[in-house]
C-alpha cells in the first residue's frame, strides 16, 4: 500500500544517523571543556530531540504522500455507513 517505503526508510535513517552522530561528536568535544555543563547538555539534547521530531513528522508526511490513494479510498468507502 505504501510506495517507496524502503527509499523513505533509507533517507530518514541516514538523516537521523547524521543528527545523532553530530550530537555525539559535539558532546564528546564539549566534554573536554569547561562548557560541559548541564545547561549546555540540555540545549544540545533539546536540539537533537527537535531534529528527531522533525524527521518523524517528515516520515509521516512522506508515508501519507506515498500511500496508494485508491486503496485508501476503498477502505474509507468500506467503513462508511451505507446510505438508505
PDB file of N, CA and C in Angstrom:
ATOM      1  N   UNK A   1       0.811  -1.195   0.000  1.00  0.00           N
ATOM      2  CA  UNK A   1       0.000   0.000   0.000  1.00  0.00           C
ATOM      3  C   UNK A   1       0.861   1.269   0.000  1.00  0.00           C
ATOM      4  N   UNK A   2       2.030   1.226   0.604  1.00  0.00           N
ATOM      5  CA  UNK A   2       2.911   2.395   0.657  1.00  0.00           C
ATOM      6  C   UNK A   2       4.003   2.230  -0.396  1.00  0.00           C
ATOM      7  N   UNK A   3       4.026   3.161  -1.347  1.00  0.00           N
ATOM      8  CA  UNK A   3       5.071   3.142  -2.364  1.00  0.00           C
ATOM      9  C   UNK A   3       6.334   3.791  -1.790  1.00  0.00           C
ATOM     10  N   UNK A   4       7.455   3.361  -2.251  1.00  0.00           N
ATOM     11  CA  UNK A   4       8.762   3.947  -1.879  1.00  0.00           C
ATOM     12  C   UNK A   4       9.065   3.836  -0.389  1.00  0.00           C
ATOM     13  N   UNK A   5       8.508   2.820   0.283  1.00  0.00           N
ATOM     14  CA  UNK A   5       8.739   2.674   1.723  1.00  0.00           C
ATOM     15  C   UNK A   5      10.224   2.521   2.034  1.00  0.00           C
ATOM     16  N   UNK A   6      10.917   1.702   1.262  1.00  0.00           N
ATOM     17  CA  UNK A   6      12.341   1.464   1.507  1.00  0.00           C
ATOM     18  C   UNK A   6      13.176   2.723   1.266  1.00  0.00           C
ATOM     19  N   UNK A   7      12.798   3.509   0.272  1.00  0.00           N
ATOM     20  CA  UNK A   7      13.509   4.764  -0.007  1.00  0.00           C
ATOM     21  C   UNK A   7      13.335   5.726   1.168  1.00  0.00           C
ATOM     22  N   UNK A   8      12.107   5.836   1.642  1.00  0.00           N
ATOM     23  CA  UNK A   8      11.830   6.712   2.793  1.00  0.00           C
ATOM     24  C   UNK A   8      12.632   6.238   3.998  1.00  0.00           C
ATOM     25  N   UNK A   9      12.638   4.933   4.248  1.00  0.00           N
ATOM     26  CA  UNK A   9      13.374   4.367   5.373  1.00  0.00           C
ATOM     27  C   UNK A   9      14.868   4.693   5.277  1.00  0.00           C
ATOM     28  N   UNK A  10      15.438   4.503   4.112  1.00  0.00           N
ATOM     29  CA  UNK A  10      16.867   4.759   3.938  1.00  0.00           C
ATOM     30  C   UNK A  10      17.206   6.236   4.125  1.00  0.00           C
ATOM     31  N   UNK A  11      16.403   7.116   3.511  1.00  0.00           N
ATOM     32  CA  UNK A  11      16.677   8.549   3.597  1.00  0.00           C
ATOM     33  C   UNK A  11      16.549   9.057   5.034  1.00  0.00           C
ATOM     34  N   UNK A  12      15.484   8.675   5.708  1.00  0.00           N
ATOM     35  CA  UNK A  12      15.235   9.190   7.057  1.00  0.00           C
ATOM     36  C   UNK A  12      16.188   8.569   8.077  1.00  0.00           C
ATOM     37  N   UNK A  13      16.558   7.313   7.857  1.00  0.00           N
ATOM     38  CA  UNK A  13      17.540   6.686   8.740  1.00  0.00           C
ATOM     39  C   UNK A  13      18.876   7.394   8.614  1.00  0.00           C
ATOM     40  N   UNK A  14      19.246   7.744   7.382  1.00  0.00           N
ATOM     41  CA  UNK A  14      20.504   8.459   7.149  1.00  0.00           C
ATOM     42  C   UNK A  14      20.476   9.836   7.814  1.00  0.00           C
ATOM     43  N   UNK A  15      19.350  10.534   7.676  1.00  0.00           N
ATOM     44  CA  UNK A  15      19.209  11.851   8.319  1.00  0.00           C
ATOM     45  C   UNK A  15      19.330  11.738   9.829  1.00  0.00           C
ATOM     46  N   UNK A  16      18.617  10.779  10.408  1.00  0.00           N
ATOM     47  CA  UNK A  16      18.648  10.608  11.857  1.00  0.00           C
ATOM     48  C   UNK A  16      20.048  10.238  12.325  1.00  0.00           C
ATOM     49  N   UNK A  17      20.698   9.347  11.590  1.00  0.00           N
ATOM     50  CA  UNK A  17      22.069   8.956  11.922  1.00  0.00           C
ATOM     51  C   UNK A  17      22.986  10.176  11.942  1.00  0.00           C
ATOM     52  N   UNK A  18      22.846  11.041  10.951  1.00  0.00           N
ATOM     53  CA  UNK A  18      23.681  12.246  10.864  1.00  0.00           C
ATOM     54  C   UNK A  18      23.479  13.131  12.089  1.00  0.00           C
ATOM     55  N   UNK A  19      22.232  13.319  12.487  1.00  0.00           N
ATOM     56  CA  UNK A  19      21.955  14.161  13.664  1.00  0.00           C
ATOM     57  C   UNK A  19      22.491  13.528  14.946  1.00  0.00           C
ATOM     58  N   UNK A  20      22.327  12.224  15.087  1.00  0.00           N
ATOM     59  CA  UNK A  20      22.826  11.545  16.291  1.00  0.00           C
ATOM     60  C   UNK A  20      24.348  11.582  16.319  1.00  0.00           C
ATOM     61  N   UNK A  21      24.987  11.341  15.179  1.00  0.00           N
ATOM     62  CA  UNK A  21      26.455  11.381  15.132  1.00  0.00           C
ATOM     63  C   UNK A  21      26.969  12.772  15.477  1.00  0.00           C
ATOM     64  N   UNK A  22      26.355  13.787  14.922  1.00  0.00           N
ATOM     65  CA  UNK A  22      26.757  15.160  15.224  1.00  0.00           C
ATOM     66  C   UNK A  22      26.596  15.449  16.713  1.00  0.00           C
ATOM     67  N   UNK A  23      25.472  15.024  17.267  1.00  0.00           N
ATOM     68  CA  UNK A  23      25.224  15.214  18.702  1.00  0.00           C
ATOM     69  C   UNK A  23      26.314  14.541  19.529  1.00  0.00           C
ATOM     70  N   UNK A  24      26.619  13.293  19.219  1.00  0.00           N
ATOM     71  CA  UNK A  24      27.636  12.570  19.983  1.00  0.00           C
ATOM     72  C   UNK A  24      29.025  13.181  19.819  1.00  0.00           C
ATOM     73  N   UNK A  25      29.360  13.571  18.601  1.00  0.00           N
ATOM     74  CA  UNK A  25      30.661  14.208  18.366  1.00  0.00           C
ATOM     75  C   UNK A  25      30.754  15.536  19.119  1.00  0.00           C
ATOM     76  N   UNK A  26      29.696  16.336  19.033  1.00  0.00           N
ATOM     77  CA  UNK A  26      29.691  17.623  19.738  1.00  0.00           C
ATOM     78  C   UNK A  26      29.756  17.420  21.245  1.00  0.00           C
ATOM     79  N   UNK A  27      29.019  16.423  21.740  1.00  0.00           N
ATOM     80  CA  UNK A  27      29.040  16.136  23.172  1.00  0.00           C
ATOM     81  C   UNK A  27      30.424  15.678  23.606  1.00  0.00           C
ATOM     82  N   UNK A  28      31.066  14.864  22.790  1.00  0.00           N
ATOM     83  CA  UNK A  28      32.414  14.389  23.099  1.00  0.00           C
ATOM     84  C   UNK A  28      33.389  15.559  23.133  1.00  0.00           C
ATOM     85  N   UNK A  29      33.299  16.438  22.146  1.00  0.00           N
ATOM     86  CA  UNK A  29      34.183  17.610  22.117  1.00  0.00           C
ATOM     87  C   UNK A  29      33.917  18.534  23.297  1.00  0.00           C
ATOM     88  N   UNK A  30      32.658  18.706  23.632  1.00  0.00           N
ATOM     89  CA  UNK A  30      32.288  19.590  24.736  1.00  0.00           C
ATOM     90  C   UNK A  30      32.758  19.033  26.076  1.00  0.00           C
ATOM     91  N   UNK A  31      32.801  17.706  26.182  1.00  0.00           N
ATOM     92  CA  UNK A  31      33.155  17.082  27.462  1.00  0.00           C
ATOM     93  C   UNK A  31      34.577  17.404  27.902  1.00  0.00           C
ATOM     94  N   UNK A  32      35.406  17.861  26.986  1.00  0.00           N
ATOM     95  CA  UNK A  32      36.796  18.212  27.313  1.00  0.00           C
ATOM     96  C   UNK A  32      36.957  19.693  27.636  1.00  0.00           C
ATOM     97  N   UNK A  33      35.852  20.415  27.783  1.00  0.00           N
ATOM     98  CA  UNK A  33      35.929  21.856  28.011  1.00  0.00           C
ATOM     99  C   UNK A  33      35.176  22.239  29.288  1.00  0.00           C
ATOM    100  N   UNK A  34      35.353  23.478  29.663  1.00  0.00           N
ATOM    101  CA  UNK A  34      34.627  23.991  30.829  1.00  0.00           C
ATOM    102  C   UNK A  34      33.165  24.287  30.500  1.00  0.00           C
ATOM    103  N   UNK A  35      32.813  24.216  29.224  1.00  0.00           N
ATOM    104  CA  UNK A  35      31.419  24.432  28.808  1.00  0.00           C
ATOM    105  C   UNK A  35      30.568  23.182  28.951  1.00  0.00           C
ATOM    106  N   UNK A  36      31.148  22.104  29.467  1.00  0.00           N
ATOM    107  CA  UNK A  36      30.410  20.857  29.657  1.00  0.00           C
ATOM    108  C   UNK A  36      29.554  20.992  30.918  1.00  0.00           C
ATOM    109  N   UNK A  37      28.449  21.702  30.743  1.00  0.00           N
ATOM    110  CA  UNK A  37      27.537  21.980  31.852  1.00  0.00           C
ATOM    111  C   UNK A  37      26.186  21.340  31.574  1.00  0.00           C
ATOM    112  N   UNK A  38      25.419  21.181  32.625  1.00  0.00           N
ATOM    113  CA  UNK A  38      24.075  20.612  32.479  1.00  0.00           C
ATOM    114  C   UNK A  38      23.255  21.461  31.514  1.00  0.00           C
ATOM    115  N   UNK A  39      23.376  22.769  31.608  1.00  0.00           N
ATOM    116  CA  UNK A  39      22.621  23.669  30.735  1.00  0.00           C
ATOM    117  C   UNK A  39      22.958  23.423  29.260  1.00  0.00           C
ATOM    118  N   UNK A  40      24.234  23.333  28.944  1.00  0.00           N
ATOM    119  CA  UNK A  40      24.643  23.091  27.551  1.00  0.00           C
ATOM    120  C   UNK A  40      24.258  21.687  27.078  1.00  0.00           C
ATOM    121  N   UNK A  41      24.370  20.717  27.962  1.00  0.00           N
ATOM    122  CA  UNK A  41      23.958  19.352  27.608  1.00  0.00           C
ATOM    123  C   UNK A  41      22.462  19.346  27.282  1.00  0.00           C
ATOM    124  N   UNK A  42      21.660  20.001  28.110  1.00  0.00           N
ATOM    125  CA  UNK A  42      20.211  20.052  27.882  1.00  0.00           C
ATOM    126  C   UNK A  42      19.877  20.762  26.573  1.00  0.00           C
ATOM    127  N   UNK A  43      20.610  21.821  26.243  1.00  0.00           N
ATOM    128  CA  UNK A  43      20.380  22.523  24.972  1.00  0.00           C
ATOM    129  C   UNK A  43      20.671  21.608  23.786  1.00  0.00           C
ATOM    130  N   UNK A  44      21.786  20.900  23.858  1.00  0.00           N
ATOM    131  CA  UNK A  44      22.157  20.001  22.769  1.00  0.00           C
ATOM    132  C   UNK A  44      21.164  18.847  22.668  1.00  0.00           C
ATOM    133  N   UNK A  45      20.747  18.334  23.802  1.00  0.00           N
ATOM    134  CA  UNK A  45      19.781  17.243  23.834  1.00  0.00           C
ATOM    135  C   UNK A  45      18.450  17.712  23.245  1.00  0.00           C
ATOM    136  N   UNK A  46      18.052  18.935  23.604  1.00  0.00           N
ATOM    137  CA  UNK A  46      16.814  19.505  23.065  1.00  0.00           C
ATOM    138  C   UNK A  46      16.872  19.659  21.552  1.00  0.00           C
ATOM    139  N   UNK A  47      18.012  20.087  21.048  1.00  0.00           N
ATOM    140  CA  UNK A  47      18.177  20.234  19.596  1.00  0.00           C
ATOM    141  C   UNK A  47      18.079  18.877  18.909  1.00  0.00           C
ATOM    142  N   UNK A  48      18.694  17.858  19.485  1.00  0.00           N
ATOM    143  CA  UNK A  48      18.604  16.506  18.922  1.00  0.00           C
ATOM    144  C   UNK A  48      17.156  16.024  18.931  1.00  0.00           C
ATOM    145  N   UNK A  49      16.466  16.279  20.021  1.00  0.00           N
ATOM    146  CA  UNK A  49      15.063  15.888  20.132  1.00  0.00           C
ATOM    147  C   UNK A  49      14.207  16.593  19.078  1.00  0.00           C
ATOM    148  N   UNK A  50      14.436  17.885  18.892  1.00  0.00           N
ATOM    149  CA  UNK A  50      13.706  18.649  17.872  1.00  0.00           C
ATOM    150  C   UNK A  50      13.963  18.086  16.475  1.00  0.00           C
ATOM    151  N   UNK A  51      15.215  17.758  16.191  1.00  0.00           N
ATOM    152  CA  UNK A  51      15.558  17.180  14.891  1.00  0.00           C
ATOM    153  C   UNK A  51      14.865  15.832  14.692  1.00  0.00           C
ATOM    154  N   UNK A  52      14.853  15.011  15.740  1.00  0.00           N
ATOM    155  CA  UNK A  52      14.202  13.698  15.639  1.00  0.00           C
ATOM    156  C   UNK A  52      12.702  13.854  15.413  1.00  0.00           C
ATOM    157  N   UNK A  53      12.081  14.786  16.117  1.00  0.00           N
ATOM    158  CA  UNK A  53      10.646  15.021  15.928  1.00  0.00           C
ATOM    159  C   UNK A  53      10.348  15.490  14.509  1.00  0.00           C
ATOM    160  N   UNK A  54      11.202  16.341  13.971  1.00  0.00           N
ATOM    161  CA  UNK A  54      11.018  16.822  12.601  1.00  0.00           C
ATOM    162  C   UNK A  54      11.121  15.674  11.601  1.00  0.00           C
ATOM    163  N   UNK A  55      12.077  14.800  11.820  1.00  0.00           N
ATOM    164  CA  UNK A  55      12.237  13.646  10.937  1.00  0.00           C
ATOM    165  C   UNK A  55      11.010  12.750  11.013  1.00  0.00           C
ATOM    166  N   UNK A  56      10.477  12.544  12.204  1.00  0.00           N
ATOM    167  CA  UNK A  56       9.280  11.720  12.359  1.00  0.00           C
ATOM    168  C   UNK A  56       8.095  12.366  11.652  1.00  0.00           C
ATOM    169  N   UNK A  57       7.961  13.686  11.760  1.00  0.00           N
ATOM    170  CA  UNK A  57       6.895  14.386  11.026  1.00  0.00           C
ATOM    171  C   UNK A  57       7.057  14.169   9.521  1.00  0.00           C
ATOM    172  N   UNK A  58       8.282  14.308   9.040  1.00  0.00           N
ATOM    173  CA  UNK A  58       8.549  14.123   7.612  1.00  0.00           C
ATOM    174  C   UNK A  58       8.255  12.687   7.170  1.00  0.00           C
ATOM    175  N   UNK A  59       8.584  11.719   8.020  1.00  0.00           N
ATOM    176  CA  UNK A  59       8.284  10.322   7.698  1.00  0.00           C
ATOM    177  C   UNK A  59       6.780  10.157   7.511  1.00  0.00           C
ATOM    178  N   UNK A  60       6.010  10.703   8.442  1.00  0.00           N
ATOM    179  CA  UNK A  60       4.555  10.588   8.330  1.00  0.00           C
ATOM    180  C   UNK A  60       4.031  11.281   7.080  1.00  0.00           C
ATOM    181  N   UNK A  61       4.538  12.456   6.782  1.00  0.00           N
ATOM    182  CA  UNK A  61       4.120  13.170   5.573  1.00  0.00           C
ATOM    183  C   UNK A  61       4.487  12.373   4.317  1.00  0.00           C
ATOM    184  N   UNK A  62       5.696  11.832   4.300  1.00  0.00           N
ATOM    185  CA  UNK A  62       6.145  11.039   3.144  1.00  0.00           C
ATOM    186  C   UNK A  62       5.306   9.780   2.978  1.00  0.00           C
ATOM    187  N   UNK A  63       5.001   9.120   4.085  1.00  0.00           N
ATOM    188  CA  UNK A  63       4.214   7.894   4.025  1.00  0.00           C
ATOM    189  C   UNK A  63       2.801   8.175   3.535  1.00  0.00           C
ATOM    190  N   UNK A  64       2.210   9.252   4.010  1.00  0.00           N
ATOM    191  CA  UNK A  64       0.863   9.610   3.561  1.00  0.00           C
ATOM    192  C   UNK A  64       0.891   9.962   2.079  1.00  0.00           C
ATOM    193  N   UNK A  65       1.886  10.707   1.654  1.00  0.00           N
ATOM    194  CA  UNK A  65       2.005  11.077   0.245  1.00  0.00           C
ATOM    195  C   UNK A  65       2.240   9.861  -0.652  1.00  0.00           C
ATOM    196  N   UNK A  66       2.940   8.880  -0.121  1.00  0.00           N
ATOM    197  CA  UNK A  66       3.279   7.701  -0.917  1.00  0.00           C
ATOM    198  C   UNK A  66       2.211   6.613  -0.837  1.00  0.00           C
ATOM    199  N   UNK A  67       1.201   6.838  -0.041  1.00  0.00           N
ATOM    200  CA  UNK A  67       0.159   5.817   0.114  1.00  0.00           C
ATOM    201  C   UNK A  67      -0.603   5.648  -1.190  1.00  0.00           C
ATOM    202  N   UNK A  68      -1.064   4.460  -1.393  1.00  0.00           N
ATOM    203  CA  UNK A  68      -1.879   4.149  -2.559  1.00  0.00           C
ATOM    204  C   UNK A  68      -3.267   4.739  -2.314  1.00  0.00           C
ATOM    205  N   UNK A  69      -3.556   5.844  -2.982  1.00  0.00           N
ATOM    206  CA  UNK A  69      -4.808   6.560  -2.734  1.00  0.00           C
ATOM    207  C   UNK A  69      -6.032   5.717  -3.074  1.00  0.00           C
ATOM    208  N   UNK A  70      -5.964   4.918  -4.101  1.00  0.00           N
ATOM    209  CA  UNK A  70      -7.100   4.072  -4.458  1.00  0.00           C
ATOM    210  C   UNK A  70      -7.439   3.122  -3.320  1.00  0.00           C
ATOM    211  N   UNK A  71      -6.407   2.565  -2.716  1.00  0.00           N
ATOM    212  CA  UNK A  71      -6.625   1.637  -1.598  1.00  0.00           C
ATOM    213  C   UNK A  71      -7.206   2.370  -0.391  1.00  0.00           C
ATOM    214  N   UNK A  72      -6.723   3.585  -0.122  1.00  0.00           N
ATOM    215  CA  UNK A  72      -7.259   4.371   0.991  1.00  0.00           C
ATOM    216  C   UNK A  72      -8.734   4.696   0.778  1.00  0.00           C
ATOM    217  N   UNK A  73      -9.081   5.085  -0.436  1.00  0.00           N
ATOM    218  CA  UNK A  73     -10.477   5.403  -0.759  1.00  0.00           C
ATOM    219  C   UNK A  73     -11.338   4.152  -0.609  1.00  0.00           C
ATOM    220  N   UNK A  74     -10.824   3.030  -1.075  1.00  0.00           N
ATOM    221  CA  UNK A  74     -11.552   1.768  -0.981  1.00  0.00           C
ATOM    222  C   UNK A  74     -11.833   1.420   0.488  1.00  0.00           C
ATOM    223  N   UNK A  75     -10.835   1.562   1.343  1.00  0.00           N
ATOM    224  CA  UNK A  75     -11.000   1.278   2.770  1.00  0.00           C
ATOM    225  C   UNK A  75     -11.980   2.260   3.396  1.00  0.00           C
ATOM    226  N   UNK A  76     -11.871   3.530   3.027  1.00  0.00           N
ATOM    227  CA  UNK A  76     -12.780   4.539   3.579  1.00  0.00           C
ATOM    228  C   UNK A  76     -14.219   4.222   3.192  1.00  0.00           C
ATOM    229  N   UNK A  77     -14.445   3.902   1.920  1.00  0.00           N
ATOM    230  CA  UNK A  77     -15.801   3.579   1.453  1.00  0.00           C
ATOM    231  C   UNK A  77     -16.344   2.361   2.182  1.00  0.00           C
ATOM    232  N   UNK A  78     -15.486   1.398   2.405  1.00  0.00           N
ATOM    233  CA  UNK A  78     -15.886   0.172   3.095  1.00  0.00           C
ATOM    234  C   UNK A  78     -16.343   0.470   4.519  1.00  0.00           C
ATOM    235  N   UNK A  79     -15.717   1.448   5.170  1.00  0.00           N
ATOM    236  CA  UNK A  79     -16.012   1.766   6.568  1.00  0.00           C
ATOM    237  C   UNK A  79     -17.110   2.807   6.742  1.00  0.00           C
ATOM    238  N   UNK A  80     -17.540   3.409   5.659  1.00  0.00           N
ATOM    239  CA  UNK A  80     -18.599   4.423   5.751  1.00  0.00           C
ATOM    240  C   UNK A  80     -19.952   3.736   5.870  1.00  0.00           C
ATOM    241  N   UNK A  81     -20.863   4.342   6.653  1.00  0.00           N
ATOM    242  CA  UNK A  81     -22.211   3.757   6.747  1.00  0.00           C
ATOM    243  C   UNK A  81     -22.914   3.858   5.403  1.00  0.00           C
ATOM    244  N   UNK A  82     -23.680   2.831   5.101  1.00  0.00           N
ATOM    245  CA  UNK A  82     -24.402   2.810   3.818  1.00  0.00           C
ATOM    246  C   UNK A  82     -25.595   3.743   3.867  1.00  0.00           C
ATOM    247  N   UNK A  83     -25.824   4.446   2.755  1.00  0.00           N
ATOM    248  CA  UNK A  83     -26.976   5.342   2.634  1.00  0.00           C
ATOM    249  C   UNK A  83     -28.217   4.508   2.388  1.00  0.00           C
ATOM    250  N   UNK A  84     -29.294   4.965   2.978  1.00  0.00           N
ATOM    251  CA  UNK A  84     -30.561   4.242   2.800  1.00  0.00           C
ATOM    252  C   UNK A  84     -31.408   4.856   1.748  1.00  0.00           C
TER     253      UNK A  84
END
